[in-house]
Structures are given as structure tokens and as C-alpha cells.
PDB file of N, CA and C in Angstrom:
ATOM      1  N   PHE A   1      17.164 -13.272 -33.165  1.00  0.00           N
ATOM      2  CA  PHE A   1      16.335 -13.639 -34.284  1.00  0.00           C
ATOM      3  C   PHE A   1      16.673 -12.773 -35.483  1.00  0.00           C
ATOM      4  N   THR A   2      16.594 -13.361 -36.643  1.00  0.00           N
ATOM      5  CA  THR A   2      16.880 -12.599 -37.860  1.00  0.00           C
ATOM      6  C   THR A   2      15.625 -11.987 -38.466  1.00  0.00           C
ATOM      7  N   GLY A   3      14.460 -12.397 -38.005  1.00  0.00           N
ATOM      8  CA  GLY A   3      13.201 -11.863 -38.514  1.00  0.00           C
ATOM      9  C   GLY A   3      12.023 -12.556 -37.863  1.00  0.00           C
ATOM     10  N   PRO A   4      10.816 -12.179 -38.256  1.00  0.00           N
ATOM     11  CA  PRO A   4       9.641 -12.770 -37.622  1.00  0.00           C
ATOM     12  C   PRO A   4       9.470 -14.268 -37.896  1.00  0.00           C
ATOM     13  N   ILE A   5       9.796 -14.713 -39.081  1.00  0.00           N
ATOM     14  CA  ILE A   5       9.675 -16.139 -39.404  1.00  0.00           C
ATOM     15  C   ILE A   5      10.691 -16.951 -38.609  1.00  0.00           C
ATOM     16  N   ASP A   6      11.916 -16.437 -38.497  1.00  0.00           N
ATOM     17  CA  ASP A   6      12.954 -17.094 -37.706  1.00  0.00           C
ATOM     18  C   ASP A   6      12.532 -17.155 -36.240  1.00  0.00           C
ATOM     19  N   CYS A   7      11.951 -16.094 -35.742  1.00  0.00           N
ATOM     20  CA  CYS A   7      11.469 -16.054 -34.354  1.00  0.00           C
ATOM     21  C   CYS A   7      10.393 -17.116 -34.148  1.00  0.00           C
ATOM     22  N   LEU A   8       9.460 -17.208 -35.066  1.00  0.00           N
ATOM     23  CA  LEU A   8       8.381 -18.179 -34.981  1.00  0.00           C
ATOM     24  C   LEU A   8       8.920 -19.604 -35.000  1.00  0.00           C
ATOM     25  N   THR A   9       9.809 -19.895 -35.935  1.00  0.00           N
ATOM     26  CA  THR A   9      10.322 -21.266 -36.046  1.00  0.00           C
ATOM     27  C   THR A   9      11.187 -21.649 -34.850  1.00  0.00           C
ATOM     28  N   GLN A  10      12.037 -20.756 -34.396  1.00  0.00           N
ATOM     29  CA  GLN A  10      12.876 -21.074 -33.237  1.00  0.00           C
ATOM     30  C   GLN A  10      12.049 -21.264 -31.972  1.00  0.00           C
ATOM     31  N   THR A  11      11.060 -20.413 -31.799  1.00  0.00           N
ATOM     32  CA  THR A  11      10.193 -20.534 -30.627  1.00  0.00           C
ATOM     33  C   THR A  11       9.421 -21.838 -30.674  1.00  0.00           C
ATOM     34  N   TYR A  12       8.919 -22.190 -31.845  1.00  0.00           N
ATOM     35  CA  TYR A  12       8.163 -23.444 -31.994  1.00  0.00           C
ATOM     36  C   TYR A  12       9.055 -24.655 -31.732  1.00  0.00           C
ATOM     37  N   LYS A  13      10.267 -24.631 -32.276  1.00  0.00           N
ATOM     38  CA  LYS A  13      11.179 -25.758 -32.076  1.00  0.00           C
ATOM     39  C   LYS A  13      11.584 -25.911 -30.614  1.00  0.00           C
ATOM     40  N   LYS A  14      11.786 -24.789 -29.937  1.00  0.00           N
ATOM     41  CA  LYS A  14      12.267 -24.824 -28.557  1.00  0.00           C
ATOM     42  C   LYS A  14      11.154 -25.129 -27.555  1.00  0.00           C
ATOM     43  N   ASN A  15       9.968 -24.527 -27.752  1.00  0.00           N
ATOM     44  CA  ASN A  15       8.906 -24.623 -26.745  1.00  0.00           C
ATOM     45  C   ASN A  15       7.606 -25.246 -27.242  1.00  0.00           C
ATOM     46  N   GLY A  16       7.521 -25.563 -28.512  1.00  0.00           N
ATOM     47  CA  GLY A  16       6.285 -26.133 -29.041  1.00  0.00           C
ATOM     48  C   GLY A  16       5.216 -25.061 -29.264  1.00  0.00           C
ATOM     49  N   VAL A  17       4.009 -25.515 -29.522  1.00  0.00           N
ATOM     50  CA  VAL A  17       2.905 -24.598 -29.812  1.00  0.00           C
ATOM     51  C   VAL A  17       2.610 -23.689 -28.614  1.00  0.00           C
ATOM     52  N   PHE A  18       2.674 -24.243 -27.411  1.00  0.00           N
ATOM     53  CA  PHE A  18       2.355 -23.453 -26.224  1.00  0.00           C
ATOM     54  C   PHE A  18       3.388 -22.356 -25.965  1.00  0.00           C
ATOM     55  N   GLY A  19       4.581 -22.497 -26.510  1.00  0.00           N
ATOM     56  CA  GLY A  19       5.587 -21.445 -26.379  1.00  0.00           C
ATOM     57  C   GLY A  19       5.180 -20.166 -27.080  1.00  0.00           C
ATOM     58  N   LEU A  20       4.325 -20.287 -28.090  1.00  0.00           N
ATOM     59  CA  LEU A  20       3.844 -19.102 -28.803  1.00  0.00           C
ATOM     60  C   LEU A  20       2.898 -18.274 -27.942  1.00  0.00           C
ATOM     61  N   TYR A  21       2.321 -18.900 -26.919  1.00  0.00           N
ATOM     62  CA  TYR A  21       1.354 -18.214 -26.068  1.00  0.00           C
ATOM     63  C   TYR A  21       1.898 -17.923 -24.672  1.00  0.00           C
ATOM     64  N   ARG A  22       3.174 -18.156 -24.453  1.00  0.00           N
ATOM     65  CA  ARG A  22       3.770 -17.880 -23.154  1.00  0.00           C
ATOM     66  C   ARG A  22       3.696 -16.383 -22.866  1.00  0.00           C
ATOM     67  N   GLY A  23       3.303 -16.045 -21.670  1.00  0.00           N
ATOM     68  CA  GLY A  23       3.207 -14.646 -21.279  1.00  0.00           C
ATOM     69  C   GLY A  23       1.898 -13.984 -21.675  1.00  0.00           C
ATOM     70  N   LEU A  24       0.944 -14.760 -22.125  1.00  0.00           N
ATOM     71  CA  LEU A  24      -0.328 -14.204 -22.570  1.00  0.00           C
ATOM     72  C   LEU A  24      -1.271 -13.897 -21.411  1.00  0.00           C
ATOM     73  N   THR A  25      -1.075 -14.545 -20.275  1.00  0.00           N
ATOM     74  CA  THR A  25      -1.982 -14.384 -19.141  1.00  0.00           C
ATOM     75  C   THR A  25      -2.023 -12.949 -18.638  1.00  0.00           C
ATOM     76  N   SER A  26      -0.882 -12.346 -18.457  1.00  0.00           N
ATOM     77  CA  SER A  26      -0.831 -10.982 -17.920  1.00  0.00           C
ATOM     78  C   SER A  26      -1.547  -9.969 -18.820  1.00  0.00           C
ATOM     79  N   PRO A  27      -1.278  -9.928 -20.136  1.00  0.00           N
ATOM     80  CA  PRO A  27      -2.017  -8.980 -20.968  1.00  0.00           C
ATOM     81  C   PRO A  27      -3.517  -9.267 -21.035  1.00  0.00           C
ATOM     82  N   LEU A  28      -3.906 -10.542 -20.995  1.00  0.00           N
ATOM     83  CA  LEU A  28      -5.332 -10.872 -21.018  1.00  0.00           C
ATOM     84  C   LEU A  28      -6.034 -10.386 -19.760  1.00  0.00           C
ATOM     85  N   LEU A  29      -5.422 -10.614 -18.609  1.00  0.00           N
ATOM     86  CA  LEU A  29      -6.008 -10.137 -17.361  1.00  0.00           C
ATOM     87  C   LEU A  29      -6.063  -8.609 -17.335  1.00  0.00           C
ATOM     88  N   GLY A  30      -5.028  -7.976 -17.862  1.00  0.00           N
ATOM     89  CA  GLY A  30      -5.027  -6.516 -17.927  1.00  0.00           C
ATOM     90  C   GLY A  30      -6.116  -5.976 -18.831  1.00  0.00           C
ATOM     91  N   ALA A  31      -6.328  -6.617 -19.977  1.00  0.00           N
ATOM     92  CA  ALA A  31      -7.377  -6.176 -20.898  1.00  0.00           C
ATOM     93  C   ALA A  31      -8.760  -6.383 -20.284  1.00  0.00           C
ATOM     94  N   MET A  32      -8.938  -7.491 -19.556  1.00  0.00           N
ATOM     95  CA  MET A  32     -10.223  -7.725 -18.892  1.00  0.00           C
ATOM     96  C   MET A  32     -10.488  -6.660 -17.834  1.00  0.00           C
ATOM     97  N   ALA A  33      -9.474  -6.342 -17.034  1.00  0.00           N
ATOM     98  CA  ALA A  33      -9.636  -5.321 -15.998  1.00  0.00           C
ATOM     99  C   ALA A  33      -9.898  -3.950 -16.625  1.00  0.00           C
ATOM    100  N   GLU A  34      -9.222  -3.655 -17.727  1.00  0.00           N
ATOM    101  CA  GLU A  34      -9.416  -2.372 -18.412  1.00  0.00           C
ATOM    102  C   GLU A  34     -10.845  -2.240 -18.926  1.00  0.00           C
ATOM    103  N   ASN A  35     -11.320  -3.240 -19.648  1.00  0.00           N
ATOM    104  CA  ASN A  35     -12.670  -3.178 -20.206  1.00  0.00           C
ATOM    105  C   ASN A  35     -13.729  -3.149 -19.118  1.00  0.00           C
ATOM    106  N   ALA A  36     -13.550  -3.931 -18.062  1.00  0.00           N
ATOM    107  CA  ALA A  36     -14.511  -3.920 -16.965  1.00  0.00           C
ATOM    108  C   ALA A  36     -14.578  -2.547 -16.311  1.00  0.00           C
ATOM    109  N   THR A  37     -13.420  -1.939 -16.101  1.00  0.00           N
ATOM    110  CA  THR A  37     -13.390  -0.614 -15.490  1.00  0.00           C
ATOM    111  C   THR A  37     -14.046   0.421 -16.390  1.00  0.00           C
ATOM    112  N   LEU A  38     -13.778   0.356 -17.691  1.00  0.00           N
ATOM    113  CA  LEU A  38     -14.398   1.300 -18.623  1.00  0.00           C
ATOM    114  C   LEU A  38     -15.918   1.200 -18.588  1.00  0.00           C
ATOM    115  N   PHE A  39     -16.442  -0.018 -18.686  1.00  0.00           N
ATOM    116  CA  PHE A  39     -17.896  -0.185 -18.711  1.00  0.00           C
ATOM    117  C   PHE A  39     -18.550   0.213 -17.395  1.00  0.00           C
ATOM    118  N   VAL A  40     -17.954  -0.179 -16.273  1.00  0.00           N
ATOM    119  CA  VAL A  40     -18.537   0.152 -14.974  1.00  0.00           C
ATOM    120  C   VAL A  40     -18.502   1.656 -14.730  1.00  0.00           C
ATOM    121  N   ALA A  41     -17.364   2.298 -14.974  1.00  0.00           N
ATOM    122  CA  ALA A  41     -17.255   3.736 -14.736  1.00  0.00           C
ATOM    123  C   ALA A  41     -18.166   4.527 -15.670  1.00  0.00           C
ATOM    124  N   ASN A  42     -18.235   4.122 -16.932  1.00  0.00           N
ATOM    125  CA  ASN A  42     -19.095   4.812 -17.892  1.00  0.00           C
ATOM    126  C   ASN A  42     -20.564   4.645 -17.497  1.00  0.00           C
ATOM    127  N   GLY A  43     -20.978   3.440 -17.156  1.00  0.00           N
ATOM    128  CA  GLY A  43     -22.364   3.194 -16.753  1.00  0.00           C
ATOM    129  C   GLY A  43     -22.740   3.926 -15.480  1.00  0.00           C
ATOM    130  N   PHE A  44     -21.825   3.920 -14.513  1.00  0.00           N
ATOM    131  CA  PHE A  44     -22.093   4.613 -13.250  1.00  0.00           C
ATOM    132  C   PHE A  44     -22.249   6.116 -13.476  1.00  0.00           C
ATOM    133  N   THR A  45     -21.358   6.696 -14.257  1.00  0.00           N
ATOM    134  CA  THR A  45     -21.420   8.131 -14.505  1.00  0.00           C
ATOM    135  C   THR A  45     -22.672   8.497 -15.292  1.00  0.00           C
ATOM    136  N   LYS A  46     -23.051   7.677 -16.248  1.00  0.00           N
ATOM    137  CA  LYS A  46     -24.278   7.943 -16.999  1.00  0.00           C
ATOM    138  C   LYS A  46     -25.507   7.863 -16.087  1.00  0.00           C
ATOM    139  N   ARG A  47     -25.477   6.938 -15.130  1.00  0.00           N
ATOM    140  CA  ARG A  47     -26.579   6.833 -14.180  1.00  0.00           C
ATOM    141  C   ARG A  47     -26.648   8.068 -13.284  1.00  0.00           C
ATOM    142  N   VAL A  48     -25.478   8.537 -12.830  1.00  0.00           N
ATOM    143  CA  VAL A  48     -25.431   9.735 -11.982  1.00  0.00           C
ATOM    144  C   VAL A  48     -25.945  10.960 -12.741  1.00  0.00           C
ATOM    145  N   LEU A  49     -25.634  11.043 -14.028  1.00  0.00           N
ATOM    146  CA  LEU A  49     -26.060  12.181 -14.850  1.00  0.00           C
ATOM    147  C   LEU A  49     -27.465  12.010 -15.431  1.00  0.00           C
ATOM    148  N   ASN A  50     -28.150  10.938 -15.062  1.00  0.00           N
ATOM    149  CA  ASN A  50     -29.504  10.646 -15.546  1.00  0.00           C
ATOM    150  C   ASN A  50     -29.588  10.568 -17.069  1.00  0.00           C
ATOM    151  N   VAL A  51     -28.635   9.879 -17.675  1.00  0.00           N
ATOM    152  CA  VAL A  51     -28.668   9.666 -19.116  1.00  0.00           C
ATOM    153  C   VAL A  51     -29.697   8.573 -19.399  1.00  0.00           C
ATOM    154  N   GLN A  52     -30.621   8.840 -20.310  1.00  0.00           N
ATOM    155  CA  GLN A  52     -31.679   7.896 -20.631  1.00  0.00           C
ATOM    156  C   GLN A  52     -31.113   6.665 -21.332  1.00  0.00           C
ATOM    157  N   GLU A  53     -31.738   5.532 -21.084  1.00  0.00           N
ATOM    158  CA  GLU A  53     -31.327   4.282 -21.737  1.00  0.00           C
ATOM    159  C   GLU A  53     -31.577   4.327 -23.241  1.00  0.00           C
ATOM    160  N   HIS A  54     -32.732   4.828 -23.639  1.00  0.00           N
ATOM    161  CA  HIS A  54     -33.120   4.858 -25.043  1.00  0.00           C
ATOM    162  C   HIS A  54     -33.595   6.260 -25.413  1.00  0.00           C
ATOM    163  N   PRO A  55     -32.659   7.169 -25.718  1.00  0.00           N
ATOM    164  CA  PRO A  55     -33.076   8.529 -26.072  1.00  0.00           C
ATOM    165  C   PRO A  55     -33.797   8.550 -27.427  1.00  0.00           C
ATOM    166  N   THR A  56     -34.628   9.537 -27.600  1.00  0.00           N
ATOM    167  CA  THR A  56     -35.355   9.707 -28.860  1.00  0.00           C
ATOM    168  C   THR A  56     -34.974  11.045 -29.482  1.00  0.00           C
ATOM    169  N   LEU A  57     -35.415  11.260 -30.709  1.00  0.00           N
ATOM    170  CA  LEU A  57     -35.147  12.536 -31.368  1.00  0.00           C
ATOM    171  C   LEU A  57     -35.889  13.673 -30.679  1.00  0.00           C
ATOM    172  N   LYS A  58     -37.037  13.359 -30.082  1.00  0.00           N
ATOM    173  CA  LYS A  58     -37.809  14.384 -29.385  1.00  0.00           C
ATOM    174  C   LYS A  58     -37.206  14.723 -28.033  1.00  0.00           C
ATOM    175  N   ASP A  59     -36.506  13.746 -27.438  1.00  0.00           N
ATOM    176  CA  ASP A  59     -35.913  13.953 -26.114  1.00  0.00           C
ATOM    177  C   ASP A  59     -34.469  13.437 -26.117  1.00  0.00           C
ATOM    178  N   PRO A  60     -33.561  14.142 -26.817  1.00  0.00           N
ATOM    179  CA  PRO A  60     -32.170  13.651 -26.928  1.00  0.00           C
ATOM    180  C   PRO A  60     -31.368  13.905 -25.648  1.00  0.00           C
ATOM    181  N   VAL A  61     -30.310  13.146 -25.523  1.00  0.00           N
ATOM    182  CA  VAL A  61     -29.385  13.341 -24.407  1.00  0.00           C
ATOM    183  C   VAL A  61     -28.353  14.384 -24.831  1.00  0.00           C
ATOM    184  N   PRO A  62     -28.093  15.385 -23.987  1.00  0.00           N
ATOM    185  CA  PRO A  62     -27.079  16.387 -24.346  1.00  0.00           C
ATOM    186  C   PRO A  62     -25.691  15.753 -24.506  1.00  0.00           C
ATOM    187  N   MET A  63     -24.959  16.227 -25.471  1.00  0.00           N
ATOM    188  CA  MET A  63     -23.641  15.672 -25.773  1.00  0.00           C
ATOM    189  C   MET A  63     -22.686  15.798 -24.590  1.00  0.00           C
ATOM    190  N   TRP A  64     -22.813  16.838 -23.779  1.00  0.00           N
ATOM    191  CA  TRP A  64     -21.886  17.026 -22.667  1.00  0.00           C
ATOM    192  C   TRP A  64     -21.972  15.876 -21.664  1.00  0.00           C
ATOM    193  N   LYS A  65     -23.147  15.230 -21.554  1.00  0.00           N
ATOM    194  CA  LYS A  65     -23.269  14.098 -20.628  1.00  0.00           C
ATOM    195  C   LYS A  65     -22.459  12.900 -21.117  1.00  0.00           C
ATOM    196  N   TYR A  66     -22.434  12.677 -22.421  1.00  0.00           N
ATOM    197  CA  TYR A  66     -21.607  11.595 -22.973  1.00  0.00           C
ATOM    198  C   TYR A  66     -20.121  11.916 -22.824  1.00  0.00           C
ATOM    199  N   ILE A  67     -19.769  13.179 -23.008  1.00  0.00           N
ATOM    200  CA  ILE A  67     -18.365  13.591 -22.879  1.00  0.00           C
ATOM    201  C   ILE A  67     -17.887  13.405 -21.439  1.00  0.00           C
ATOM    202  N   ILE A  68     -18.719  13.817 -20.480  1.00  0.00           N
ATOM    203  CA  ILE A  68     -18.352  13.671 -19.061  1.00  0.00           C
ATOM    204  C   ILE A  68     -18.244  12.196 -18.678  1.00  0.00           C
ATOM    205  N   SER A  69     -19.195  11.377 -19.108  1.00  0.00           N
ATOM    206  CA  SER A  69     -19.158   9.961 -18.724  1.00  0.00           C
ATOM    207  C   SER A  69     -17.981   9.240 -19.386  1.00  0.00           C
ATOM    208  N   GLY A  70     -17.691   9.557 -20.630  1.00  0.00           N
ATOM    209  CA  GLY A  70     -16.538   8.951 -21.297  1.00  0.00           C
ATOM    210  C   GLY A  70     -15.220   9.409 -20.695  1.00  0.00           C
ATOM    211  N   GLY A  71     -15.129  10.676 -20.373  1.00  0.00           N
ATOM    212  CA  GLY A  71     -13.906  11.203 -19.746  1.00  0.00           C
ATOM    213  C   GLY A  71     -13.667  10.619 -18.371  1.00  0.00           C
ATOM    214  N   THR A  72     -14.739  10.470 -17.605  1.00  0.00           N
ATOM    215  CA  THR A  72     -14.620   9.872 -16.278  1.00  0.00           C
ATOM    216  C   THR A  72     -14.158   8.421 -16.382  1.00  0.00           C
ATOM    217  N   ALA A  73     -14.709   7.700 -17.342  1.00  0.00           N
ATOM    218  CA  ALA A  73     -14.285   6.304 -17.545  1.00  0.00           C
ATOM    219  C   ALA A  73     -12.805   6.242 -17.927  1.00  0.00           C
ATOM    220  N   GLY A  74     -12.360   7.173 -18.763  1.00  0.00           N
ATOM    221  CA  GLY A  74     -10.951   7.210 -19.156  1.00  0.00           C
ATOM    222  C   GLY A  74     -10.022   7.489 -17.992  1.00  0.00           C
ATOM    223  N   ILE A  75     -10.441   8.383 -17.116  1.00  0.00           N
ATOM    224  CA  ILE A  75      -9.630   8.690 -15.931  1.00  0.00           C
ATOM    225  C   ILE A  75      -9.562   7.479 -15.006  1.00  0.00           C
ATOM    226  N   CYS A  76     -10.703   6.829 -14.807  1.00  0.00           N
ATOM    227  CA  CYS A  76     -10.732   5.655 -13.918  1.00  0.00           C
ATOM    228  C   CYS A  76      -9.875   4.516 -14.454  1.00  0.00           C
ATOM    229  N   VAL A  77      -9.916   4.301 -15.754  1.00  0.00           N
ATOM    230  CA  VAL A  77      -9.165   3.177 -16.327  1.00  0.00           C
ATOM    231  C   VAL A  77      -7.656   3.423 -16.250  1.00  0.00           C
ATOM    232  N   ALA A  78      -7.246   4.674 -16.196  1.00  0.00           N
ATOM    233  CA  ALA A  78      -5.814   4.963 -16.088  1.00  0.00           C
ATOM    234  C   ALA A  78      -5.240   4.428 -14.778  1.00  0.00           C
ATOM    235  N   PHE A  79      -6.057   4.441 -13.723  1.00  0.00           N
ATOM    236  CA  PHE A  79      -5.584   3.931 -12.434  1.00  0.00           C
ATOM    237  C   PHE A  79      -5.459   2.406 -12.427  1.00  0.00           C
ATOM    238  N   VAL A  80      -6.181   1.744 -13.301  1.00  0.00           N
ATOM    239  CA  VAL A  80      -6.087   0.282 -13.415  1.00  0.00           C
ATOM    240  C   VAL A  80      -5.017  -0.108 -14.424  1.00  0.00           C
ATOM    241  N   LEU A  81      -4.996   0.582 -15.543  1.00  0.00           N
ATOM    242  CA  LEU A  81      -4.135   0.199 -16.661  1.00  0.00           C
ATOM    243  C   LEU A  81      -2.654   0.498 -16.413  1.00  0.00           C
ATOM    244  N   THR A  82      -2.350   1.576 -15.745  1.00  0.00           N
ATOM    245  CA  THR A  82      -0.950   1.968 -15.556  1.00  0.00           C
ATOM    246  C   THR A  82      -0.138   0.911 -14.799  1.00  0.00           C
ATOM    247  N   PRO A  83      -0.595   0.402 -13.663  1.00  0.00           N
ATOM    248  CA  PRO A  83       0.191  -0.657 -12.995  1.00  0.00           C
ATOM    249  C   PRO A  83       0.301  -1.934 -13.823  1.00  0.00           C
ATOM    250  N   VAL A  84      -0.756  -2.290 -14.541  1.00  0.00           N
ATOM    251  CA  VAL A  84      -0.729  -3.497 -15.366  1.00  0.00           C
ATOM    252  C   VAL A  84       0.312  -3.353 -16.472  1.00  0.00           C
ATOM    253  N   GLU A  85       0.331  -2.212 -17.124  1.00  0.00           N
ATOM    254  CA  GLU A  85       1.312  -1.969 -18.188  1.00  0.00           C
ATOM    255  C   GLU A  85       2.734  -1.919 -17.641  1.00  0.00           C
ATOM    256  N   LEU A  86       2.898  -1.370 -16.449  1.00  0.00           N
ATOM    257  CA  LEU A  86       4.231  -1.324 -15.832  1.00  0.00           C
ATOM    258  C   LEU A  86       4.761  -2.732 -15.581  1.00  0.00           C
ATOM    259  N   ILE A  87       3.910  -3.593 -15.049  1.00  0.00           N
ATOM    260  CA  ILE A  87       4.314  -4.983 -14.800  1.00  0.00           C
ATOM    261  C   ILE A  87       4.652  -5.671 -16.113  1.00  0.00           C
ATOM    262  N   LYS A  88       3.815  -5.476 -17.129  1.00  0.00           N
ATOM    263  CA  LYS A  88       4.049  -6.116 -18.432  1.00  0.00           C
ATOM    264  C   LYS A  88       5.379  -5.646 -19.028  1.00  0.00           C
ATOM    265  N   CYS A  89       5.652  -4.354 -18.956  1.00  0.00           N
ATOM    266  CA  CYS A  89       6.905  -3.827 -19.510  1.00  0.00           C
ATOM    267  C   CYS A  89       8.118  -4.339 -18.746  1.00  0.00           C
ATOM    268  N   ARG A  90       8.017  -4.404 -17.426  1.00  0.00           N
ATOM    269  CA  ARG A  90       9.137  -4.934 -16.634  1.00  0.00           C
ATOM    270  C   ARG A  90       9.441  -6.389 -17.002  1.00  0.00           C
ATOM    271  N   LEU A  91       8.391  -7.176 -17.189  1.00  0.00           N
ATOM    272  CA  LEU A  91       8.592  -8.575 -17.561  1.00  0.00           C
ATOM    273  C   LEU A  91       9.198  -8.708 -18.951  1.00  0.00           C
ATOM    274  N   GLN A  92       8.806  -7.823 -19.874  1.00  0.00           N
ATOM    275  CA  GLN A  92       9.297  -7.913 -21.245  1.00  0.00           C
ATOM    276  C   GLN A  92      10.764  -7.520 -21.369  1.00  0.00           C
ATOM    277  N   VAL A  93      11.222  -6.576 -20.577  1.00  0.00           N
ATOM    278  CA  VAL A  93      12.589  -6.074 -20.745  1.00  0.00           C
ATOM    279  C   VAL A  93      13.570  -6.629 -19.717  1.00  0.00           C
ATOM    280  N   GLN A  94      13.146  -7.558 -18.891  1.00  0.00           N
ATOM    281  CA  GLN A  94      14.036  -8.016 -17.829  1.00  0.00           C
ATOM    282  C   GLN A  94      15.300  -8.683 -18.354  1.00  0.00           C
ATOM    283  N   ASN A  95      15.241  -9.409 -19.443  1.00  0.00           N
ATOM    284  CA  ASN A  95      16.449 -10.040 -19.982  1.00  0.00           C
ATOM    285  C   ASN A  95      17.408  -9.009 -20.539  1.00  0.00           C
ATOM    286  N   ALA A  96      16.903  -8.009 -21.220  1.00  0.00           N
ATOM    287  CA  ALA A  96      17.762  -6.970 -21.796  1.00  0.00           C
ATOM    288  C   ALA A  96      18.323  -6.048 -20.720  1.00  0.00           C
ATOM    289  N   ALA A  97      17.604  -5.875 -19.634  1.00  0.00           N
ATOM    290  CA  ALA A  97      18.028  -4.946 -18.580  1.00  0.00           C
ATOM    291  C   ALA A  97      19.285  -5.435 -17.863  1.00  0.00           C
ATOM    292  N   THR A  98      19.405  -6.737 -17.676  1.00  0.00           N
ATOM    293  CA  THR A  98      20.568  -7.258 -16.964  1.00  0.00           C
ATOM    294  C   THR A  98      21.779  -7.398 -17.867  1.00  0.00           C
ATOM    295  N   GLY A  99      21.538  -7.586 -19.157  1.00  0.00           N
ATOM    296  CA  GLY A  99      22.641  -7.751 -20.096  1.00  0.00           C
ATOM    297  C   GLY A  99      23.228  -9.147 -20.102  1.00  0.00           C
ATOM    298  N   GLU A 100      22.853  -9.953 -19.145  1.00  0.00           N
ATOM    299  CA  GLU A 100      23.388 -11.312 -19.044  1.00  0.00           C
ATOM    300  C   GLU A 100      22.318 -12.363 -19.292  1.00  0.00           C
ATOM    301  N   GLY A 101      21.100 -11.938 -19.573  1.00  0.00           N
ATOM    302  CA  GLY A 101      20.020 -12.890 -19.781  1.00  0.00           C
ATOM    303  C   GLY A 101      19.446 -13.436 -18.492  1.00  0.00           C
ATOM    304  N   ALA A 102      19.793 -12.832 -17.360  1.00  0.00           N
ATOM    305  CA  ALA A 102      19.275 -13.297 -16.076  1.00  0.00           C
ATOM    306  C   ALA A 102      17.804 -12.905 -15.940  1.00  0.00           C
ATOM    307  N   ILE A 103      17.054 -13.733 -15.258  1.00  0.00           N
ATOM    308  CA  ILE A 103      15.635 -13.454 -15.045  1.00  0.00           C
ATOM    309  C   ILE A 103      15.473 -12.812 -13.675  1.00  0.00           C
ATOM    310  N   LEU A 104      14.957 -11.589 -13.669  1.00  0.00           N
ATOM    311  CA  LEU A 104      14.752 -10.856 -12.425  1.00  0.00           C
ATOM    312  C   LEU A 104      13.439 -11.234 -11.749  1.00  0.00           C
ATOM    313  N   TYR A 105      12.412 -11.517 -12.556  1.00  0.00           N
ATOM    314  CA  TYR A 105      11.078 -11.796 -12.030  1.00  0.00           C
ATOM    315  C   TYR A 105      10.597 -13.148 -12.534  1.00  0.00           C
ATOM    316  N   LYS A 106       9.958 -13.913 -11.662  1.00  0.00           N
ATOM    317  CA  LYS A 106       9.432 -15.215 -12.057  1.00  0.00           C
ATOM    318  C   LYS A 106       8.087 -15.092 -12.748  1.00  0.00           C
ATOM    319  N   GLY A 107       7.368 -14.016 -12.486  1.00  0.00           N
ATOM    320  CA  GLY A 107       6.051 -13.812 -13.067  1.00  0.00           C
ATOM    321  C   GLY A 107       5.467 -12.488 -12.630  1.00  0.00           C
ATOM    322  N   PRO A 108       4.222 -12.206 -12.982  1.00  0.00           N
ATOM    323  CA  PRO A 108       3.609 -10.918 -12.664  1.00  0.00           C
ATOM    324  C   PRO A 108       3.537 -10.624 -11.162  1.00  0.00           C
ATOM    325  N   LEU A 109       3.211 -11.643 -10.356  1.00  0.00           N
ATOM    326  CA  LEU A 109       3.122 -11.401  -8.915  1.00  0.00           C
ATOM    327  C   LEU A 109       4.484 -11.091  -8.314  1.00  0.00           C
ATOM    328  N   ASP A 110       5.516 -11.772  -8.769  1.00  0.00           N
ATOM    329  CA  ASP A 110       6.873 -11.499  -8.311  1.00  0.00           C
ATOM    330  C   ASP A 110       7.291 -10.086  -8.688  1.00  0.00           C
ATOM    331  N   CYS A 111       6.900  -9.657  -9.850  1.00  0.00           N
ATOM    332  CA  CYS A 111       7.222  -8.314 -10.326  1.00  0.00           C
ATOM    333  C   CYS A 111       6.486  -7.249  -9.514  1.00  0.00           C
ATOM    334  N   LEU A 112       5.264  -7.552  -9.114  1.00  0.00           N
ATOM    335  CA  LEU A 112       4.455  -6.607  -8.350  1.00  0.00           C
ATOM    336  C   LEU A 112       4.982  -6.433  -6.945  1.00  0.00           C
ATOM    337  N   LEU A 113       5.417  -7.528  -6.343  1.00  0.00           N
ATOM    338  CA  LEU A 113       5.884  -7.489  -4.958  1.00  0.00           C
ATOM    339  C   LEU A 113       7.343  -7.131  -4.941  1.00  0.00           C
TER     340      LEU A 113
END
């Protein structure tokens, strides 16, 4: 491709409108798993630390509880996000890796196994 417009037009001519969205499933599933893990881990840790649902100025929640719950959520999401990103990167570079344009993986499950 000579640029983004050339990429868009060639992709549209070759694959139609749906060609613009090819490969979108894997990143969408990864983003859903990431967000779900963040919310669940953060909520669970806040529950363990007895963080109030609606703190007031008279009874505030200590900042360290938010730091611990956010940090725990970040650690948990790394275990979900790292394999998803690895699969996505392998799928993106498979044509360049072979040098011949050969397809190594048929999809995310093939790449995982």
C-alpha cells in the first residue's frame, strides 16, 4: 500500500465492506475479557477491603484501599491480556514472518493450539 487511502480503497475493492472488519473478532473478545476481569477483580478486592459503596466526607475511604484494589485488578488483567495480545500479534505478523505470504494460522484457535 502507498498510504492509508490506498489501503482503504484496495481492501474495499478486493473484499467489500466486510473486508474492513476482518480480524475484528479477536480484539473484541480480548477487550471484553480485559474489561470483565478489571471490573470483577476490582470489585472483589474492594469487597475484601470493606470499601463502602457510597463514602461520605464524614466517613471517607482511605486512598490506600483504592490503590490496592486498582493494583490487584491490574495484576489480574495481565494474566488475561497477555495471551490475547500474543495471539493477536502472531496473527498480524504471520505473512511478514514467512516472507512468502504464506498463512501459518487459520484463526485465533489455530494460533493458540
